[in-house]
Amino acid sequence: MKKPSSKIREEIAKLQDQLKHAETREAERIGRIALKTGLGDFEIDETELQAAFEDVAKRFRGGRGSDKSGSTGKGREGASTSPALETAPVSTGTAQGSGSEA
């Protein structure tokens, strides 16, 4: 039996809400880690910071992409990355307003 379009729209809306919450949790986690390392103390342009995060992502994704053995990918910093990295920009406004910024 086929679903009516209204049910599909409801499911899409629920999934979009789940995605929003998941992205918020991820952004808060990364933000907490960045603050713990002192990254919040630097005056750095957002584009420079995003580029630095992309470099870190390449380092970790490159190690996992071609190693199927389950290792952490350490020592594989020069490995190639997938094109998906370019399509996943860093969301900058997700975790704002948490009140933990000094």
PDB file of N, CA and C in Angstrom:
ATOM      1  N   MET A   1       0.835  -1.184   0.000  1.00  0.00           N
ATOM      2  CA  MET A   1       0.000   0.000   0.000  1.00  0.00           C
ATOM      3  C   MET A   1       0.880   1.248   0.000  1.00  0.00           C
ATOM      4  N   LYS A   2       0.577   2.169  -0.856  1.00  0.00           N
ATOM      5  CA  LYS A   2       1.373   3.391  -0.974  1.00  0.00           C
ATOM      6  C   LYS A   2       0.964   4.405   0.078  1.00  0.00           C
ATOM      7  N   LYS A   3       1.941   5.173   0.540  1.00  0.00           N
ATOM      8  CA  LYS A   3       1.691   6.201   1.537  1.00  0.00           C
ATOM      9  C   LYS A   3       1.186   7.461   0.846  1.00  0.00           C
ATOM     10  N   PRO A   4       0.254   8.154   1.472  1.00  0.00           N
ATOM     11  CA  PRO A   4      -0.163   9.449   0.914  1.00  0.00           C
ATOM     12  C   PRO A   4       0.953  10.483   1.110  1.00  0.00           C
ATOM     13  N   SER A   5       0.958  11.479   0.270  1.00  0.00           N
ATOM     14  CA  SER A   5       2.014  12.492   0.315  1.00  0.00           C
ATOM     15  C   SER A   5       2.060  13.216   1.659  1.00  0.00           C
ATOM     16  N   SER A   6       0.936  13.370   2.322  1.00  0.00           N
ATOM     17  CA  SER A   6       0.934  14.044   3.628  1.00  0.00           C
ATOM     18  C   SER A   6       1.736  13.255   4.662  1.00  0.00           C
ATOM     19  N   LYS A   7       1.643  11.930   4.629  1.00  0.00           N
ATOM     20  CA  LYS A   7       2.416  11.085   5.557  1.00  0.00           C
ATOM     21  C   LYS A   7       3.908  11.188   5.258  1.00  0.00           C
ATOM     22  N   ILE A   8       4.246  11.213   3.982  1.00  0.00           N
ATOM     23  CA  ILE A   8       5.651  11.344   3.587  1.00  0.00           C
ATOM     24  C   ILE A   8       6.196  12.682   4.053  1.00  0.00           C
ATOM     25  N   ARG A   9       5.415  13.756   3.903  1.00  0.00           N
ATOM     26  CA  ARG A   9       5.849  15.079   4.371  1.00  0.00           C
ATOM     27  C   ARG A   9       6.066  15.087   5.882  1.00  0.00           C
ATOM     28  N   GLU A  10       5.179  14.406   6.624  1.00  0.00           N
ATOM     29  CA  GLU A  10       5.338  14.319   8.077  1.00  0.00           C
ATOM     30  C   GLU A  10       6.640  13.604   8.431  1.00  0.00           C
ATOM     31  N   GLU A  11       6.926  12.514   7.731  1.00  0.00           N
ATOM     32  CA  GLU A  11       8.161  11.770   7.980  1.00  0.00           C
ATOM     33  C   GLU A  11       9.386  12.616   7.656  1.00  0.00           C
ATOM     34  N   ILE A  12       9.319  13.362   6.563  1.00  0.00           N
ATOM     35  CA  ILE A  12      10.434  14.249   6.187  1.00  0.00           C
ATOM     36  C   ILE A  12      10.642  15.314   7.263  1.00  0.00           C
ATOM     37  N   ALA A  13       9.559  15.888   7.760  1.00  0.00           N
ATOM     38  CA  ALA A  13       9.663  16.913   8.797  1.00  0.00           C
ATOM     39  C   ALA A  13      10.299  16.331  10.067  1.00  0.00           C
ATOM     40  N   LYS A  14       9.917  15.111  10.435  1.00  0.00           N
ATOM     41  CA  LYS A  14      10.500  14.464  11.610  1.00  0.00           C
ATOM     42  C   LYS A  14      11.991  14.211  11.401  1.00  0.00           C
ATOM     43  N   LEU A  15      12.348  13.741  10.219  1.00  0.00           N
ATOM     44  CA  LEU A  15      13.755  13.481   9.917  1.00  0.00           C
ATOM     45  C   LEU A  15      14.573  14.763   9.915  1.00  0.00           C
ATOM     46  N   GLN A  16      14.000  15.848   9.371  1.00  0.00           N
ATOM     47  CA  GLN A  16      14.708  17.130   9.384  1.00  0.00           C
ATOM     48  C   GLN A  16      14.927  17.610  10.811  1.00  0.00           C
ATOM     49  N   ASP A  17      13.944  17.386  11.678  1.00  0.00           N
ATOM     50  CA  ASP A  17      14.087  17.763  13.090  1.00  0.00           C
ATOM     51  C   ASP A  17      15.165  16.918  13.755  1.00  0.00           C
ATOM     52  N   GLN A  18      15.191  15.619  13.467  1.00  0.00           N
ATOM     53  CA  GLN A  18      16.222  14.740  14.020  1.00  0.00           C
ATOM     54  C   GLN A  18      17.608  15.170  13.542  1.00  0.00           C
ATOM     55  N   LEU A  19      17.711  15.539  12.263  1.00  0.00           N
ATOM     56  CA  LEU A  19      18.981  15.995  11.709  1.00  0.00           C
ATOM     57  C   LEU A  19      19.446  17.274  12.407  1.00  0.00           C
ATOM     58  N   LYS A  20      18.523  18.200  12.612  1.00  0.00           N
ATOM     59  CA  LYS A  20      18.859  19.452  13.286  1.00  0.00           C
ATOM     60  C   LYS A  20      19.394  19.190  14.695  1.00  0.00           C
ATOM     61  N   HIS A  21      18.735  18.303  15.432  1.00  0.00           N
ATOM     62  CA  HIS A  21      19.185  17.980  16.789  1.00  0.00           C
ATOM     63  C   HIS A  21      20.537  17.272  16.777  1.00  0.00           C
ATOM     64  N   ALA A  22      20.736  16.368  15.829  1.00  0.00           N
ATOM     65  CA  ALA A  22      22.016  15.652  15.731  1.00  0.00           C
ATOM     66  C   ALA A  22      23.149  16.626  15.408  1.00  0.00           C
ATOM     67  N   GLU A  23      22.902  17.551  14.477  1.00  0.00           N
ATOM     68  CA  GLU A  23      23.927  18.538  14.124  1.00  0.00           C
ATOM     69  C   GLU A  23      24.244  19.438  15.310  1.00  0.00           C
ATOM     70  N   THR A  24      23.226  19.796  16.081  1.00  0.00           N
ATOM     71  CA  THR A  24      23.440  20.632  17.260  1.00  0.00           C
ATOM     72  C   THR A  24      24.303  19.901  18.285  1.00  0.00           C
ATOM     73  N   ARG A  25      23.995  18.619  18.539  1.00  0.00           N
ATOM     74  CA  ARG A  25      24.802  17.839  19.483  1.00  0.00           C
ATOM     75  C   ARG A  25      26.249  17.753  19.015  1.00  0.00           C
ATOM     76  N   GLU A  26      26.436  17.495  17.719  1.00  0.00           N
ATOM     77  CA  GLU A  26      27.793  17.384  17.175  1.00  0.00           C
ATOM     78  C   GLU A  26      28.539  18.704  17.286  1.00  0.00           C
ATOM     79  N   ALA A  27      27.866  19.802  16.960  1.00  0.00           N
ATOM     80  CA  ALA A  27      28.497  21.120  17.034  1.00  0.00           C
ATOM     81  C   ALA A  27      28.873  21.472  18.468  1.00  0.00           C
ATOM     82  N   GLU A  28      27.995  21.146  19.411  1.00  0.00           N
ATOM     83  CA  GLU A  28      28.299  21.424  20.809  1.00  0.00           C
ATOM     84  C   GLU A  28      29.478  20.583  21.282  1.00  0.00           C
ATOM     85  N   ARG A  29      29.541  19.330  20.867  1.00  0.00           N
ATOM     86  CA  ARG A  29      30.651  18.455  21.254  1.00  0.00           C
ATOM     87  C   ARG A  29      31.972  19.012  20.721  1.00  0.00           C
ATOM     88  N   ILE A  30      31.996  19.357  19.452  1.00  0.00           N
ATOM     89  CA  ILE A  30      33.214  19.895  18.847  1.00  0.00           C
ATOM     90  C   ILE A  30      33.570  21.238  19.482  1.00  0.00           C
ATOM     91  N   GLY A  31      32.566  22.042  19.759  1.00  0.00           N
ATOM     92  CA  GLY A  31      32.809  23.330  20.407  1.00  0.00           C
ATOM     93  C   GLY A  31      33.415  23.189  21.786  1.00  0.00           C
ATOM     94  N   ARG A  32      32.892  22.234  22.570  1.00  0.00           N
ATOM     95  CA  ARG A  32      33.454  22.000  23.905  1.00  0.00           C
ATOM     96  C   ARG A  32      34.913  21.569  23.817  1.00  0.00           C
ATOM     97  N   ILE A  33      35.204  20.675  22.870  1.00  0.00           N
ATOM     98  CA  ILE A  33      36.581  20.208  22.700  1.00  0.00           C
ATOM     99  C   ILE A  33      37.481  21.370  22.289  1.00  0.00           C
ATOM    100  N   ALA A  34      37.007  22.199  21.366  1.00  0.00           N
ATOM    101  CA  ALA A  34      37.796  23.347  20.909  1.00  0.00           C
ATOM    102  C   ALA A  34      38.073  24.306  22.065  1.00  0.00           C
ATOM    103  N   LEU A  35      37.073  24.546  22.911  1.00  0.00           N
ATOM    104  CA  LEU A  35      37.272  25.436  24.051  1.00  0.00           C
ATOM    105  C   LEU A  35      38.241  24.842  25.063  1.00  0.00           C
ATOM    106  N   LYS A  36      38.161  23.535  25.291  1.00  0.00           N
ATOM    107  CA  LYS A  36      39.082  22.882  26.223  1.00  0.00           C
ATOM    108  C   LYS A  36      40.532  23.002  25.766  1.00  0.00           C
ATOM    109  N   THR A  37      40.737  23.017  24.456  1.00  0.00           N
ATOM    110  CA  THR A  37      42.101  23.124  23.931  1.00  0.00           C
ATOM    111  C   THR A  37      42.576  24.566  23.854  1.00  0.00           C
ATOM    112  N   GLY A  38      41.715  25.523  24.197  1.00  0.00           N
ATOM    113  CA  GLY A  38      42.103  26.923  24.179  1.00  0.00           C
ATOM    114  C   GLY A  38      41.863  27.618  22.856  1.00  0.00           C
ATOM    115  N   LEU A  39      41.180  26.963  21.944  1.00  0.00           N
ATOM    116  CA  LEU A  39      40.954  27.545  20.621  1.00  0.00           C
ATOM    117  C   LEU A  39      40.096  28.806  20.686  1.00  0.00           C
ATOM    118  N   GLY A  40      39.276  28.929  21.699  1.00  0.00           N
ATOM    119  CA  GLY A  40      38.420  30.103  21.838  1.00  0.00           C
ATOM    120  C   GLY A  40      39.175  31.368  22.197  1.00  0.00           C
ATOM    121  N   ASP A  41      40.423  31.208  22.619  1.00  0.00           N
ATOM    122  CA  ASP A  41      41.219  32.358  23.034  1.00  0.00           C
ATOM    123  C   ASP A  41      41.880  33.087  21.868  1.00  0.00           C
ATOM    124  N   PHE A  42      41.853  32.484  20.685  1.00  0.00           N
ATOM    125  CA  PHE A  42      42.531  33.070  19.532  1.00  0.00           C
ATOM    126  C   PHE A  42      41.598  33.938  18.713  1.00  0.00           C
ATOM    127  N   GLU A  43      42.138  35.056  18.231  1.00  0.00           N
ATOM    128  CA  GLU A  43      41.412  35.884  17.273  1.00  0.00           C
ATOM    129  C   GLU A  43      41.729  35.320  15.898  1.00  0.00           C
ATOM    130  N   ILE A  44      40.804  34.531  15.350  1.00  0.00           N
ATOM    131  CA  ILE A  44      41.059  33.867  14.074  1.00  0.00           C
ATOM    132  C   ILE A  44      39.830  34.028  13.181  1.00  0.00           C
ATOM    133  N   ASP A  45      40.091  34.304  11.924  1.00  0.00           N
ATOM    134  CA  ASP A  45      39.029  34.474  10.944  1.00  0.00           C
ATOM    135  C   ASP A  45      38.287  33.145  10.748  1.00  0.00           C
ATOM    136  N   GLU A  46      36.966  33.197  10.582  1.00  0.00           N
ATOM    137  CA  GLU A  46      36.170  31.972  10.421  1.00  0.00           C
ATOM    138  C   GLU A  46      36.620  31.129   9.240  1.00  0.00           C
ATOM    139  N   THR A  47      37.004  31.782   8.143  1.00  0.00           N
ATOM    140  CA  THR A  47      37.430  30.993   6.977  1.00  0.00           C
ATOM    141  C   THR A  47      38.738  30.264   7.258  1.00  0.00           C
ATOM    142  N   GLU A  48      39.631  30.905   8.000  1.00  0.00           N
ATOM    143  CA  GLU A  48      40.883  30.239   8.378  1.00  0.00           C
ATOM    144  C   GLU A  48      40.608  29.073   9.326  1.00  0.00           C
ATOM    145  N   LEU A  49      39.703  29.298  10.270  1.00  0.00           N
ATOM    146  CA  LEU A  49      39.360  28.251  11.221  1.00  0.00           C
ATOM    147  C   LEU A  49      38.694  27.068  10.511  1.00  0.00           C
ATOM    148  N   GLN A  50      37.803  27.374   9.580  1.00  0.00           N
ATOM    149  CA  GLN A  50      37.148  26.307   8.819  1.00  0.00           C
ATOM    150  C   GLN A  50      38.174  25.516   8.016  1.00  0.00           C
ATOM    151  N   ALA A  51      39.125  26.213   7.405  1.00  0.00           N
ATOM    152  CA  ALA A  51      40.169  25.529   6.641  1.00  0.00           C
ATOM    153  C   ALA A  51      40.988  24.610   7.545  1.00  0.00           C
ATOM    154  N   ALA A  52      41.273  25.065   8.761  1.00  0.00           N
ATOM    155  CA  ALA A  52      42.027  24.237   9.704  1.00  0.00           C
ATOM    156  C   ALA A  52      41.216  22.996  10.093  1.00  0.00           C
ATOM    157  N   PHE A  53      39.912  23.174  10.328  1.00  0.00           N
ATOM    158  CA  PHE A  53      39.059  22.036  10.650  1.00  0.00           C
ATOM    159  C   PHE A  53      38.982  21.061   9.469  1.00  0.00           C
ATOM    160  N   GLU A  54      38.941  21.600   8.254  1.00  0.00           N
ATOM    161  CA  GLU A  54      38.919  20.736   7.069  1.00  0.00           C
ATOM    162  C   GLU A  54      40.199  19.924   6.958  1.00  0.00           C
ATOM    163  N   ASP A  55      41.332  20.534   7.314  1.00  0.00           N
ATOM    164  CA  ASP A  55      42.605  19.799   7.317  1.00  0.00           C
ATOM    165  C   ASP A  55      42.572  18.659   8.330  1.00  0.00           C
ATOM    166  N   VAL A  56      42.014  18.924   9.505  1.00  0.00           N
ATOM    167  CA  VAL A  56      41.899  17.875  10.520  1.00  0.00           C
ATOM    168  C   VAL A  56      40.976  16.766  10.015  1.00  0.00           C
ATOM    169  N   ALA A  57      39.860  17.146   9.411  1.00  0.00           N
ATOM    170  CA  ALA A  57      38.921  16.149   8.888  1.00  0.00           C
ATOM    171  C   ALA A  57      39.583  15.294   7.810  1.00  0.00           C
ATOM    172  N   LYS A  58      40.364  15.920   6.939  1.00  0.00           N
ATOM    173  CA  LYS A  58      41.077  15.170   5.895  1.00  0.00           C
ATOM    174  C   LYS A  58      42.029  14.161   6.518  1.00  0.00           C
ATOM    175  N   ARG A  59      42.699  14.584   7.564  1.00  0.00           N
ATOM    176  CA  ARG A  59      43.659  13.704   8.232  1.00  0.00           C
ATOM    177  C   ARG A  59      42.970  12.444   8.755  1.00  0.00           C
ATOM    178  N   PHE A  60      41.828  12.618   9.402  1.00  0.00           N
ATOM    179  CA  PHE A  60      41.141  11.474   9.983  1.00  0.00           C
ATOM    180  C   PHE A  60      40.355  10.684   8.943  1.00  0.00           C
ATOM    181  N   ARG A  61      39.697  11.359   8.017  1.00  0.00           N
ATOM    182  CA  ARG A  61      38.945  10.645   6.983  1.00  0.00           C
ATOM    183  C   ARG A  61      39.868   9.891   6.047  1.00  0.00           C
ATOM    184  N   GLY A  62      40.998  10.482   5.736  1.00  0.00           N
ATOM    185  CA  GLY A  62      41.953   9.833   4.854  1.00  0.00           C
ATOM    186  C   GLY A  62      42.450   8.526   5.434  1.00  0.00           C
ATOM    187  N   GLY A  63      42.632   8.475   6.727  1.00  0.00           N
ATOM    188  CA  GLY A  63      43.108   7.264   7.378  1.00  0.00           C
ATOM    189  C   GLY A  63      42.071   6.168   7.415  1.00  0.00           C
ATOM    190  N   ARG A  64      40.803   6.536   7.499  1.00  0.00           N
ATOM    191  CA  ARG A  64      39.744   5.538   7.595  1.00  0.00           C
ATOM    192  C   ARG A  64      39.269   5.062   6.239  1.00  0.00           C
ATOM    193  N   GLY A  65      39.359   5.914   5.235  1.00  0.00           N
ATOM    194  CA  GLY A  65      38.783   5.598   3.936  1.00  0.00           C
ATOM    195  C   GLY A  65      39.353   4.369   3.281  1.00  0.00           C
ATOM    196  N   SER A  66      40.647   4.140   3.380  1.00  0.00           N
ATOM    197  CA  SER A  66      41.247   3.021   2.686  1.00  0.00           C
ATOM    198  C   SER A  66      41.683   1.908   3.614  1.00  0.00           C
ATOM    199  N   ASP A  67      41.521   2.086   4.926  1.00  0.00           N
ATOM    200  CA  ASP A  67      41.920   1.056   5.878  1.00  0.00           C
ATOM    201  C   ASP A  67      40.674   0.401   6.450  1.00  0.00           C
ATOM    202  N   LYS A  68      40.351  -0.774   5.991  1.00  0.00           N
ATOM    203  CA  LYS A  68      39.146  -1.466   6.416  1.00  0.00           C
ATOM    204  C   LYS A  68      39.383  -2.361   7.620  1.00  0.00           C
ATOM    205  N   SER A  69      40.583  -2.364   8.187  1.00  0.00           N
ATOM    206  CA  SER A  69      40.913  -3.270   9.278  1.00  0.00           C
ATOM    207  C   SER A  69      40.413  -2.783  10.629  1.00  0.00           C
ATOM    208  N   GLY A  70      39.877  -1.564  10.694  1.00  0.00           N
ATOM    209  CA  GLY A  70      39.344  -1.060  11.951  1.00  0.00           C
ATOM    210  C   GLY A  70      40.354  -0.272  12.759  1.00  0.00           C
ATOM    211  N   SER A  71      41.546  -0.021  12.225  1.00  0.00           N
ATOM    212  CA  SER A  71      42.525   0.768  12.963  1.00  0.00           C
ATOM    213  C   SER A  71      42.132   2.227  12.934  1.00  0.00           C
ATOM    214  N   THR A  72      42.796   3.026  13.739  1.00  0.00           N
ATOM    215  CA  THR A  72      42.445   4.436  13.856  1.00  0.00           C
ATOM    216  C   THR A  72      42.973   5.270  12.720  1.00  0.00           C
ATOM    217  N   GLY A  73      43.838   4.718  11.881  1.00  0.00           N
ATOM    218  CA  GLY A  73      44.367   5.466  10.754  1.00  0.00           C
ATOM    219  C   GLY A  73      45.533   6.343  11.113  1.00  0.00           C
ATOM    220  N   LYS A  74      46.129   6.145  12.297  1.00  0.00           N
ATOM    221  CA  LYS A  74      47.276   6.962  12.694  1.00  0.00           C
ATOM    222  C   LYS A  74      48.432   6.700  11.750  1.00  0.00           C
ATOM    223  N   GLY A  75      49.145   7.752  11.437  1.00  0.00           N
ATOM    224  CA  GLY A  75      50.288   7.624  10.552  1.00  0.00           C
ATOM    225  C   GLY A  75      49.921   7.640   9.084  1.00  0.00           C
ATOM    226  N   ARG A  76      48.686   7.976   8.759  1.00  0.00           N
ATOM    227  CA  ARG A  76      48.245   7.990   7.369  1.00  0.00           C
ATOM    228  C   ARG A  76      47.779   9.386   6.965  1.00  0.00           C
ATOM    229  N   GLU A  77      48.445  10.404   7.467  1.00  0.00           N
ATOM    230  CA  GLU A  77      48.021  11.774   7.218  1.00  0.00           C
ATOM    231  C   GLU A  77      47.978  12.133   5.746  1.00  0.00           C
ATOM    232  N   GLY A  78      48.804  11.515   4.921  1.00  0.00           N
ATOM    233  CA  GLY A  78      48.865  11.869   3.511  1.00  0.00           C
ATOM    234  C   GLY A  78      47.901  11.100   2.642  1.00  0.00           C
ATOM    235  N   ALA A  79      47.016  10.293   3.227  1.00  0.00           N
ATOM    236  CA  ALA A  79      46.098   9.482   2.434  1.00  0.00           C
ATOM    237  C   ALA A  79      45.083  10.361   1.723  1.00  0.00           C
ATOM    238  N   SER A  80      44.561   9.877   0.621  1.00  0.00           N
ATOM    239  CA  SER A  80      43.600  10.659  -0.154  1.00  0.00           C
ATOM    240  C   SER A  80      42.273  10.727   0.573  1.00  0.00           C
ATOM    241  N   THR A  81      41.497  11.768   0.258  1.00  0.00           N
ATOM    242  CA  THR A  81      40.213  11.967   0.909  1.00  0.00           C
ATOM    243  C   THR A  81      39.097  11.773  -0.084  1.00  0.00           C
ATOM    244  N   SER A  82      37.901  11.614   0.452  1.00  0.00           N
ATOM    245  CA  SER A  82      36.747  11.450  -0.413  1.00  0.00           C
ATOM    246  C   SER A  82      36.198  12.811  -0.803  1.00  0.00           C
ATOM    247  N   PRO A  83      35.493  12.910  -1.945  1.00  0.00           N
ATOM    248  CA  PRO A  83      34.911  14.188  -2.354  1.00  0.00           C
ATOM    249  C   PRO A  83      33.808  14.646  -1.416  1.00  0.00           C
ATOM    250  N   ALA A  84      33.282  13.771  -0.575  1.00  0.00           N
ATOM    251  CA  ALA A  84      32.221  14.153   0.347  1.00  0.00           C
ATOM    252  C   ALA A  84      32.681  15.236   1.310  1.00  0.00           C
ATOM    253  N   LEU A  85      33.977  15.315   1.558  1.00  0.00           N
ATOM    254  CA  LEU A  85      34.504  16.322   2.463  1.00  0.00           C
ATOM    255  C   LEU A  85      34.175  17.720   1.958  1.00  0.00           C
ATOM    256  N   GLU A  86      34.221  17.910   0.679  1.00  0.00           N
ATOM    257  CA  GLU A  86      33.972  19.229   0.103  1.00  0.00           C
ATOM    258  C   GLU A  86      32.495  19.612   0.183  1.00  0.00           C
ATOM    259  N   THR A  87      31.588  18.654   0.325  1.00  0.00           N
ATOM    260  CA  THR A  87      30.169  18.956   0.343  1.00  0.00           C
ATOM    261  C   THR A  87      29.607  19.077   1.746  1.00  0.00           C
ATOM    262  N   ALA A  88      30.456  18.997   2.765  1.00  0.00           N
ATOM    263  CA  ALA A  88      29.974  19.078   4.135  1.00  0.00           C
ATOM    264  C   ALA A  88      30.609  20.268   4.846  1.00  0.00           C
ATOM    265  N   PRO A  89      30.125  21.490   4.582  1.00  0.00           N
ATOM    266  CA  PRO A  89      30.717  22.663   5.214  1.00  0.00           C
ATOM    267  C   PRO A  89      30.418  22.686   6.708  1.00  0.00           C
ATOM    268  N   VAL A  90      31.268  23.371   7.436  1.00  0.00           N
ATOM    269  CA  VAL A  90      31.105  23.501   8.872  1.00  0.00           C
ATOM    270  C   VAL A  90      29.984  24.484   9.150  1.00  0.00           C
ATOM    271  N   SER A  91      29.044  24.099   9.978  1.00  0.00           N
ATOM    272  CA  SER A  91      27.951  24.971  10.364  1.00  0.00           C
ATOM    273  C   SER A  91      28.441  25.853  11.498  1.00  0.00           C
ATOM    274  N   THR A  92      28.430  27.169  11.297  1.00  0.00           N
ATOM    275  CA  THR A  92      29.047  28.060  12.268  1.00  0.00           C
ATOM    276  C   THR A  92      28.084  28.591  13.311  1.00  0.00           C
ATOM    277  N   GLY A  93      26.800  28.615  13.071  1.00  0.00           N
ATOM    278  CA  GLY A  93      25.881  29.243  14.004  1.00  0.00           C
ATOM    279  C   GLY A  93      25.074  28.273  14.835  1.00  0.00           C
ATOM    280  N   THR A  94      25.304  27.000  14.750  1.00  0.00           N
ATOM    281  CA  THR A  94      24.456  26.007  15.393  1.00  0.00           C
ATOM    282  C   THR A  94      24.496  26.059  16.905  1.00  0.00           C
ATOM    283  N   ALA A  95      25.672  26.168  17.482  1.00  0.00           N
ATOM    284  CA  ALA A  95      25.793  26.060  18.935  1.00  0.00           C
ATOM    285  C   ALA A  95      25.852  27.405  19.630  1.00  0.00           C
ATOM    286  N   GLN A  96      25.585  28.471  18.938  1.00  0.00           N
ATOM    287  CA  GLN A  96      25.651  29.781  19.552  1.00  0.00           C
ATOM    288  C   GLN A  96      24.498  29.944  20.542  1.00  0.00           C
ATOM    289  N   GLY A  97      24.715  30.796  21.513  1.00  0.00           N
ATOM    290  CA  GLY A  97      23.677  31.068  22.480  1.00  0.00           C
ATOM    291  C   GLY A  97      23.692  30.107  23.666  1.00  0.00           C
ATOM    292  N   SER A  98      24.723  29.299  23.789  1.00  0.00           N
ATOM    293  CA  SER A  98      24.789  28.367  24.904  1.00  0.00           C
ATOM    294  C   SER A  98      25.207  29.066  26.191  1.00  0.00           C
ATOM    295  N   GLY A  99      25.723  30.273  26.067  1.00  0.00           N
ATOM    296  CA  GLY A  99      26.090  31.040  27.243  1.00  0.00           C
ATOM    297  C   GLY A  99      27.426  30.664  27.836  1.00  0.00           C
ATOM    298  N   SER A 100      28.163  29.756  27.212  1.00  0.00           N
ATOM    299  CA  SER A 100      29.433  29.332  27.781  1.00  0.00           C
ATOM    300  C   SER A 100      30.621  30.060  27.183  1.00  0.00           C
ATOM    301  N   GLU A 101      30.362  31.023  26.321  1.00  0.00           N
ATOM    302  CA  GLU A 101      31.449  31.736  25.682  1.00  0.00           C
ATOM    303  C   GLU A 101      31.908  32.879  26.577  1.00  0.00           C
ATOM    304  N   ALA A 102      33.220  33.056  26.683  1.00  0.00           N
ATOM    305  CA  ALA A 102      33.756  34.100  27.571  1.00  0.00           C
ATOM    306  C   ALA A 102      34.149  35.330  26.821  1.00  0.00           C
TER     307      ALA A 102
END
